C-alpha atoms as a PDB file:
ATOM      1  CA  MET A   1     -48.694  26.606  83.039  1.00  0.00           C
ATOM      2  CA  ALA A   2     -46.092  24.544  82.049  1.00  0.00           C
ATOM      3  CA  SER A   3     -42.492  26.207  81.398  1.00  0.00           C
ATOM      4  CA  PHE A   4     -39.204  25.308  79.849  1.00  0.00           C
ATOM      5  CA  ASN A   5     -36.040  27.251  79.497  1.00  0.00           C
ATOM      6  CA  LYS A   6     -33.222  25.712  77.418  1.00  0.00           C
ATOM      7  CA  VAL A   7     -30.616  27.217  75.472  1.00  0.00           C
ATOM      8  CA  ILE A   8     -28.245  25.290  73.236  1.00  0.00           C
ATOM      9  CA  LEU A   9     -25.340  27.585  71.562  1.00  0.00           C
ATOM     10  CA  VAL A  10     -22.225  26.815  69.678  1.00  0.00           C
ATOM     11  CA  GLY A  11     -20.017  29.339  68.897  1.00  0.00           C
ATOM     12  CA  ASN A  12     -16.449  30.928  69.565  1.00  0.00           C
ATOM     13  CA  LEU A  13     -14.951  32.126  72.592  1.00  0.00           C
ATOM     14  CA  THR A  14     -14.524  36.007  72.208  1.00  0.00           C
ATOM     15  CA  ARG A  15     -12.103  36.597  75.054  1.00  0.00           C
ATOM     16  CA  ASP A  16      -9.942  34.040  77.551  1.00  0.00           C
ATOM     17  CA  PRO A  17     -12.437  33.223  80.440  1.00  0.00           C
ATOM     18  CA  GLN A  18     -11.009  34.114  84.110  1.00  0.00           C
ATOM     19  CA  VAL A  19     -12.309  32.377  86.945  1.00  0.00           C
ATOM     20  CA  ARG A  20     -13.044  34.457  90.318  1.00  0.00           C
ATOM     21  CA  TYR A  21     -14.310  32.971  93.464  1.00  0.00           C
ATOM     22  CA  THR A  22     -17.493  34.082  95.795  1.00  0.00           C
ATOM     23  CA  PRO A  23     -16.815  34.479  99.190  1.00  0.00           C
ATOM     24  CA  GLY A  24     -18.449  31.214  99.610  1.00  0.00           C
ATOM     25  CA  GLY A  25     -15.839  29.554  97.790  1.00  0.00           C
ATOM     26  CA  SER A  26     -17.721  28.673  94.392  1.00  0.00           C
ATOM     27  CA  ALA A  27     -15.608  29.166  90.867  1.00  0.00           C
ATOM     28  CA  VAL A  28     -17.708  31.634  88.572  1.00  0.00           C
ATOM     29  CA  ALA A  29     -16.624  32.576  84.885  1.00  0.00           C
ATOM     30  CA  GLU A  30     -18.256  34.934  82.628  1.00  0.00           C
ATOM     31  CA  ILE A  31     -17.544  34.306  79.215  1.00  0.00           C
ATOM     32  CA  GLY A  32     -18.500  35.824  76.068  1.00  0.00           C
ATOM     33  CA  LEU A  33     -19.404  33.662  72.806  1.00  0.00           C
ATOM     34  CA  ALA A  34     -19.991  34.887  69.340  1.00  0.00           C
ATOM     35  CA  VAL A  35     -22.503  33.009  67.451  1.00  0.00           C
ATOM     36  CA  ASN A  36     -22.462  33.242  63.325  1.00  0.00           C
ATOM     37  CA  ARG A  37     -25.846  32.633  61.420  1.00  0.00           C
ATOM     38  CA  SER A  38     -25.466  32.525  57.680  1.00  0.00           C
ATOM     39  CA  TRP A  39     -28.149  32.393  55.093  1.00  0.00           C
ATOM     40  CA  PHE A  40     -28.721  32.972  51.607  1.00  0.00           C
ATOM     41  CA  ASP A  41     -30.993  35.990  50.564  1.00  0.00           C
ATOM     42  CA  LYS A  42     -32.884  35.159  47.778  1.00  0.00           C
ATOM     43  CA  ASN A  43     -33.729  38.886  47.060  1.00  0.00           C
ATOM     44  CA  SER A  44     -30.213  40.397  46.596  1.00  0.00           C
ATOM     45  CA  ASN A  45     -29.164  36.889  45.696  1.00  0.00           C
ATOM     46  CA  SER A  46     -26.013  36.904  47.878  1.00  0.00           C
ATOM     47  CA  ARG A  47     -24.775  35.153  51.060  1.00  0.00           C
ATOM     48  CA  LYS A  48     -25.510  37.161  54.163  1.00  0.00           C
ATOM     49  CA  GLU A  49     -23.961  36.768  57.660  1.00  0.00           C
ATOM     50  CA  GLU A  50     -24.732  37.914  60.982  1.00  0.00           C
ATOM     51  CA  THR A  51     -23.235  37.477  64.181  1.00  0.00           C
ATOM     52  CA  THR A  52     -24.484  37.637  67.868  1.00  0.00           C
ATOM     53  CA  PHE A  53     -22.832  38.144  70.842  1.00  0.00           C
ATOM     54  CA  VAL A  54     -24.150  36.294  74.188  1.00  0.00           C
ATOM     55  CA  ASP A  55     -22.884  36.519  77.635  1.00  0.00           C
ATOM     56  CA  VAL A  56     -22.600  33.319  79.538  1.00  0.00           C
ATOM     57  CA  THR A  57     -21.832  32.542  83.282  1.00  0.00           C
ATOM     58  CA  LEU A  58     -20.292  29.418  84.231  1.00  0.00           C
ATOM     59  CA  TRP A  59     -20.253  27.832  87.806  1.00  0.00           C
ATOM     60  CA  GLY A  60     -18.587  25.263  89.787  1.00  0.00           C
ATOM     61  CA  ARG A  61     -16.223  22.906  88.305  1.00  0.00           C
ATOM     62  CA  THR A  62     -17.241  24.051  84.901  1.00  0.00           C
ATOM     63  CA  ALA A  63     -15.963  27.713  85.526  1.00  0.00           C
ATOM     64  CA  GLU A  64     -12.602  25.962  86.442  1.00  0.00           C
ATOM     65  CA  VAL A  65     -12.457  23.531  83.253  1.00  0.00           C
ATOM     66  CA  ALA A  66     -13.368  26.606  81.185  1.00  0.00           C
ATOM     67  CA  SER A  67     -10.491  28.900  82.648  1.00  0.00           C
ATOM     68  CA  GLU A  68      -7.909  26.075  82.301  1.00  0.00           C
ATOM     69  CA  TYR A  69      -8.621  24.738  78.909  1.00  0.00           C
ATOM     70  CA  LEU A  70     -10.177  27.643  76.830  1.00  0.00           C
ATOM     71  CA  THR A  71      -8.910  30.383  75.021  1.00  0.00           C
ATOM     72  CA  LYS A  72     -10.154  33.048  72.789  1.00  0.00           C
ATOM     73  CA  GLY A  73     -11.392  31.972  69.351  1.00  0.00           C
ATOM     74  CA  ARG A  74     -11.923  28.390  70.985  1.00  0.00           C
ATOM     75  CA  SER A  75     -15.193  26.779  69.505  1.00  0.00           C
ATOM     76  CA  VAL A  76     -17.544  25.649  72.369  1.00  0.00           C
ATOM     77  CA  LEU A  77     -21.082  24.194  72.989  1.00  0.00           C
ATOM     78  CA  ILE A  78     -23.106  25.294  75.894  1.00  0.00           C
ATOM     79  CA  GLU A  79     -26.067  24.061  77.442  1.00  0.00           C
ATOM     80  CA  GLY A  80     -27.998  26.077  80.150  1.00  0.00           C
ATOM     81  CA  ARG A  81     -31.118  28.491  80.445  1.00  0.00           C
ATOM     82  CA  LEU A  82     -31.807  32.282  79.972  1.00  0.00           C
ATOM     83  CA  GLN A  83     -31.674  34.493  83.163  1.00  0.00           C
ATOM     84  CA  LEU A  84     -32.849  37.894  83.327  1.00  0.00           C
ATOM     85  CA  ASP A  85     -30.548  40.391  85.238  1.00  0.00           C
ATOM     86  CA  GLN A  86     -32.160  43.559  86.435  1.00  0.00           C
ATOM     87  CA  TRP A  87     -30.576  46.594  88.179  1.00  0.00           C
ATOM     88  CA  ASP A  88     -30.773  50.264  88.882  1.00  0.00           C
ATOM     89  CA  ASP A  89     -28.095  52.404  87.088  1.00  0.00           C
ATOM     90  CA  LYS A  90     -25.970  54.161  89.729  1.00  0.00           C
ATOM     91  CA  GLU A  91     -25.653  57.064  87.677  1.00  0.00           C
ATOM     92  CA  SER A  92     -28.954  58.001  85.858  1.00  0.00           C
ATOM     93  CA  GLY A  93     -30.977  55.846  88.472  1.00  0.00           C
ATOM     94  CA  GLN A  94     -32.794  54.147  85.693  1.00  0.00           C
ATOM     95  CA  LYS A  95     -33.837  50.573  85.571  1.00  0.00           C
ATOM     96  CA  ARG A  96     -31.505  48.475  83.627  1.00  0.00           C
ATOM     97  CA  SER A  97     -31.749  44.961  82.437  1.00  0.00           C
ATOM     98  CA  LYS A  98     -29.708  42.273  80.545  1.00  0.00           C
ATOM     99  CA  LEU A  99     -30.632  38.698  79.303  1.00  0.00           C
ATOM    100  CA  LYS A 100     -27.677  36.512  79.633  1.00  0.00           C
ATOM    101  CA  VAL A 101     -27.427  32.563  79.244  1.00  0.00           C
ATOM    102  CA  VAL A 102     -26.267  30.589  82.698  1.00  0.00           C
ATOM    103  CA  GLY A 103     -23.964  27.418  81.297  1.00  0.00           C
ATOM    104  CA  GLU A 104     -24.980  24.045  83.008  1.00  0.00           C
ATOM    105  CA  ASN A 105     -23.092  22.008  80.748  1.00  0.00           C
ATOM    106  CA  MET A 106     -19.861  22.733  78.685  1.00  0.00           C
ATOM    107  CA  THR A 107     -18.445  20.586  75.340  1.00  0.00           C
ATOM    108  CA  MET A 108     -15.213  21.931  74.456  1.00  0.00           C
ATOM    109  CA  LEU A 109     -15.186  21.408  70.085  1.00  0.00           C
ATOM    110  CA  GLY A 110     -12.346  20.740  67.819  1.00  0.00           C
ATOM    111  CA  GLY A 111      -8.808  19.651  68.683  1.00  0.00           C
ATOM    112  CA  LYS A 112      -5.939  21.156  70.611  1.00  0.00           C
ATOM    113  CA  GLY A 113      -4.723  23.232  67.333  1.00  0.00           C
ATOM    114  CA  GLU A 114      -7.479  24.905  66.188  1.00  0.00           C
ATOM    115  CA  SER A 115      -8.683  28.513  67.165  1.00  0.00           C
ATOM    116  CA  GLY A 116      -6.235  29.984  69.532  1.00  0.00           C
ATOM    117  CA  GLY A 117      -4.243  26.598  70.256  1.00  0.00           C
ATOM    118  CA  GLY A 118      -7.187  24.933  72.325  1.00  0.00           C
ATOM    119  CA  GLY A 119      -5.656  25.748  75.855  1.00  0.00           C
ATOM    120  CA  GLY A 120      -2.880  23.472  75.586  1.00  0.00           C
ATOM    121  CA  GLY A 121      -3.285  20.190  77.307  1.00  0.00           C
ATOM    122  CA  ALA A 122      -6.733  19.614  76.873  1.00  0.00           C
ATOM    123  CA  PRO A 123      -7.563  15.822  76.675  1.00  0.00           C
ATOM    124  CA  SER A 124      -6.790  14.008  73.668  1.00  0.00           C
ATOM    125  CA  GLY A 125     -10.165  13.044  71.857  1.00  0.00           C
ATOM    126  CA  GLY A 126     -11.038  16.386  70.621  1.00  0.00           C
ATOM    127  CA  GLY A 127     -14.063  17.199  73.028  1.00  0.00           C
ATOM    128  CA  TYR A 128     -14.109  17.511  76.979  1.00  0.00           C
ATOM    129  CA  ALA A 129     -17.299  17.459  78.428  1.00  0.00           C
ATOM    130  CA  SER A 130     -18.502  19.070  81.521  1.00  0.00           C
ATOM    131  CA  ARG A 131     -21.950  18.080  83.024  1.00  0.00           C
ATOM    132  CA  GLY A 132     -22.772  20.449  85.669  1.00  0.00           C
ATOM    133  CA  ASN A 133     -20.570  20.981  87.988  1.00  0.00           C
ATOM    134  CA  ALA A 134     -17.961  17.872  87.417  1.00  0.00           C
ATOM    135  CA  PRO A 135     -15.739  17.010  84.365  1.00  0.00           C
ATOM    136  CA  SER A 136     -17.099  13.778  82.605  1.00  0.00           C
ATOM    137  CA  GLN A 137     -15.081  10.661  83.071  1.00  0.00           C
ATOM    138  CA  GLY A 138     -14.077   7.880  81.065  1.00  0.00           C
ATOM    139  CA  GLY A 139     -12.631   9.468  77.934  1.00  0.00           C
ATOM    140  CA  GLY A 140     -14.660  12.098  77.174  1.00  0.00           C
ATOM    141  CA  SER A 141     -15.659  11.596  73.233  1.00  0.00           C
ATOM    142  CA  SER A 142     -18.699  11.010  72.049  1.00  0.00           C
ATOM    143  CA  PRO A 143     -20.157  10.163  68.757  1.00  0.00           C
ATOM    144  CA  ALA A 144     -21.082  13.939  68.417  1.00  0.00           C
ATOM    145  CA  ASP A 145     -17.605  15.151  69.285  1.00  0.00           C
ATOM    146  CA  SER A 146     -16.047  13.032  66.340  1.00  0.00           C
ATOM    147  CA  PHE A 147     -18.502  14.626  63.909  1.00  0.00           C
ATOM    148  CA  TYR A 148     -17.613  18.386  65.131  1.00  0.00           C
ATOM    149  CA  ASP A 149     -13.525  17.410  65.193  1.00  0.00           C
ATOM    150  CA  ASN A 150     -13.900  15.949  61.631  1.00  0.00           C
ATOM    151  CA  THR A 151     -15.742  19.088  60.049  1.00  0.00           C
ATOM    152  CA  PRO A 152     -13.479  21.331  58.935  1.00  0.00           C
ATOM    153  CA  GLY A 153     -14.469  24.873  60.142  1.00  0.00           C
ATOM    154  CA  GLY A 154     -17.416  23.811  62.839  1.00  0.00           C
ATOM    155  CA  ILE A 155     -20.922  22.476  61.869  1.00  0.00           C
ATOM    156  CA  PRO A 156     -21.726  22.973  57.797  1.00  0.00           C
ATOM    157  CA  ASP A 157     -24.719  25.123  57.261  1.00  0.00           C
ATOM    158  CA  ASP A 158     -26.740  22.301  55.646  1.00  0.00           C
ATOM    159  CA  ASP A 159     -26.661  19.919  58.668  1.00  0.00           C
ATOM    160  CA  VAL A 160     -27.935  21.990  61.525  1.00  0.00           C
ATOM    161  CA  PRO A 161     -31.153  20.598  62.411  1.00  0.00           C
ATOM    162  CA  PHE A 162     -32.664  24.216  63.079  1.00  0.00           C
END
């Protein structure tokens, strides 16, 4: 049986990322992402909104780049996979679990001046992409980056393809 585990999220950071290192020297950063959804409710004839908070773990160079350039409120696109963490609660002895995202690719959205200052010193061109454990080379701006940069407030609801 085939399986596929891929997540693509665009949202704003809920806190500044902080990198730490494993005993083996690998960088790891935990970030919180707020992903907003809005829709028109025909029953109440009003616009509705909801926010989903997602925990994301970044590894390697991607974690270091996030710690260096991202700040609370900054827009970011994360591509990754879902992972279920399970453990026994020390206090109650109950089994606990949490679904989170392990980020494999990260793209910073918006310019330096948007949403919390943009981390100061981020590369010009609006977007900085990190693919896997190494930052992208060669200018770092794609046609998609310029679309997001020129759209006030992020992606318009009508243009989201899903």
